[in-house]
């Protein structure tokens, strides 16, 4: 895999992995003091890189955390199996929601141009 392209626009930090995959992160107010050269090295093992397919999700929250369960349910089956669980803070869940909305908008725009 090639080195990801990173750039910043305002409070948004973009990491572009390839033409179809990118990550958007909103910087917190106190992050503006972090030097621009600081990079986060992200590692992923081969099994995790393969990902899992999910066609059902559940979100549970408390005042301190959000739990995302990603499941797979086979057609005509009365039960679903949890394939992956992500537990995160409400603040990070909101950043994830905003990043997902931006990516969906970008996806929709690219489909309109084709």
Protein backbone atom coordinates (compact mmCIF):
# COMPACT_ATOMS: atom_id res chain seq x y z
CA UNK A 1 0.00 0.00 0.00
CA UNK A 2 1.25 3.48 -0.80
CA UNK A 3 1.69 6.14 1.83
CA UNK A 4 -1.61 7.92 2.55
CA UNK A 5 -2.01 11.55 1.54
CA UNK A 6 -2.78 13.87 4.49
CA UNK A 7 -3.99 17.45 4.30
CA UNK A 8 -5.87 19.93 6.44
CA UNK A 9 -8.67 22.36 5.60
CA UNK A 10 -9.72 24.47 8.57
CA UNK A 11 -10.53 22.16 11.49
CA UNK A 12 -10.83 19.09 9.23
CA UNK A 13 -7.90 16.72 8.77
CA UNK A 14 -8.20 14.46 5.72
CA UNK A 15 -6.35 11.22 5.17
CA UNK A 16 -6.79 9.88 1.66
CA UNK A 17 -5.81 6.21 1.36
CA UNK A 18 -6.81 5.75 -2.29
CA UNK A 19 -9.37 7.21 -4.68
CA UNK A 20 -12.28 5.49 -2.88
CA UNK A 21 -11.16 5.54 0.75
CA UNK A 22 -10.57 8.53 2.96
CA UNK A 23 -10.84 9.49 6.59
CA UNK A 24 -12.01 12.86 7.88
CA UNK A 25 -11.28 13.97 11.41
CA UNK A 26 -12.44 17.17 13.09
CA UNK A 27 -9.77 18.69 15.28
CA UNK A 28 -10.73 19.76 18.77
CA UNK A 29 -10.01 23.34 19.81
CA UNK A 30 -6.90 22.41 21.83
CA UNK A 31 -5.48 20.37 18.92
CA UNK A 32 -4.67 23.52 16.97
CA UNK A 33 -1.54 23.86 19.12
CA UNK A 34 -0.17 20.49 17.96
CA UNK A 35 2.70 20.89 15.49
CA UNK A 36 1.68 20.22 11.88
CA UNK A 37 4.49 17.66 11.38
CA UNK A 38 3.08 15.26 13.99
CA UNK A 39 1.73 12.16 12.21
CA UNK A 40 -0.23 9.24 13.55
CA UNK A 41 1.14 5.93 12.32
CA UNK A 42 -1.77 3.54 11.71
CA UNK A 43 -1.10 -0.18 11.53
CA UNK A 44 -3.54 -2.89 10.50
CA UNK A 45 -2.98 -6.63 10.50
CA UNK A 46 -3.94 -8.74 7.49
CA UNK A 47 -7.03 -10.29 9.09
CA UNK A 48 -8.46 -6.93 10.20
CA UNK A 49 -7.68 -5.42 6.79
CA UNK A 50 -9.99 -7.98 5.18
CA UNK A 51 -12.94 -6.45 7.05
CA UNK A 52 -16.26 -8.11 7.78
CA UNK A 53 -19.58 -7.80 5.96
CA UNK A 54 -22.51 -6.42 7.94
CA UNK A 55 -26.12 -5.98 6.86
CA UNK A 56 -27.53 -5.04 10.27
CA UNK A 57 -26.35 -2.71 13.03
CA UNK A 58 -27.38 -1.86 16.55
CA UNK A 59 -26.41 1.22 18.56
CA UNK A 60 -26.63 1.33 22.35
CA UNK A 61 -25.50 4.24 24.48
CA UNK A 62 -25.02 5.35 28.04
CA UNK A 63 -23.92 8.78 29.26
CA UNK A 64 -20.26 7.77 28.84
CA UNK A 65 -20.11 5.57 25.76
CA UNK A 66 -21.67 4.38 22.54
CA UNK A 67 -21.62 0.72 21.52
CA UNK A 68 -21.92 -0.14 17.82
CA UNK A 69 -22.66 -3.79 17.06
CA UNK A 70 -22.30 -4.77 13.40
CA UNK A 71 -24.12 -7.99 12.55
CA UNK A 72 -24.82 -10.36 9.70
CA UNK A 73 -28.25 -11.92 9.29
CA UNK A 74 -28.90 -14.49 6.59
CA UNK A 75 -32.13 -14.20 4.60
CA UNK A 76 -34.95 -16.28 6.08
CA UNK A 77 -33.01 -16.71 9.34
CA UNK A 78 -34.44 -15.73 12.74
CA UNK A 79 -31.07 -14.86 14.26
CA UNK A 80 -28.16 -12.55 13.56
CA UNK A 81 -24.53 -12.96 14.58
CA UNK A 82 -22.46 -10.00 15.85
CA UNK A 83 -19.39 -9.74 13.63
CA UNK A 84 -17.79 -6.68 15.22
CA UNK A 85 -18.33 -4.40 18.22
CA UNK A 86 -16.96 -0.87 18.54
CA UNK A 87 -17.14 0.97 21.87
CA UNK A 88 -16.38 4.69 21.82
CA UNK A 89 -17.03 8.00 23.55
CA UNK A 90 -20.01 10.24 22.70
CA UNK A 91 -17.57 12.87 21.39
CA UNK A 92 -15.93 10.41 19.02
CA UNK A 93 -19.34 9.02 17.96
CA UNK A 94 -20.34 12.56 16.91
CA UNK A 95 -17.11 13.00 14.92
CA UNK A 96 -17.79 9.61 13.30
CA UNK A 97 -21.35 10.72 12.41
CA UNK A 98 -20.04 13.93 10.81
CA UNK A 99 -17.33 12.07 8.87
CA UNK A 100 -19.85 9.48 7.68
CA UNK A 101 -22.24 12.22 6.52
CA UNK A 102 -19.45 13.95 4.58
CA UNK A 103 -18.39 10.69 2.95
CA UNK A 104 -21.98 9.85 1.99
CA UNK A 105 -22.37 13.31 0.46
CA UNK A 106 -19.15 12.80 -1.51
CA UNK A 107 -20.34 9.36 -2.61
CA UNK A 108 -23.72 10.75 -3.74
CA UNK A 109 -22.02 13.55 -5.71
CA UNK A 110 -19.67 11.10 -7.43
CA UNK A 111 -22.63 8.91 -8.46
CA UNK A 112 -24.43 11.93 -9.94
CA UNK A 113 -21.38 12.71 -12.11
CA UNK A 114 -21.33 9.23 -13.64
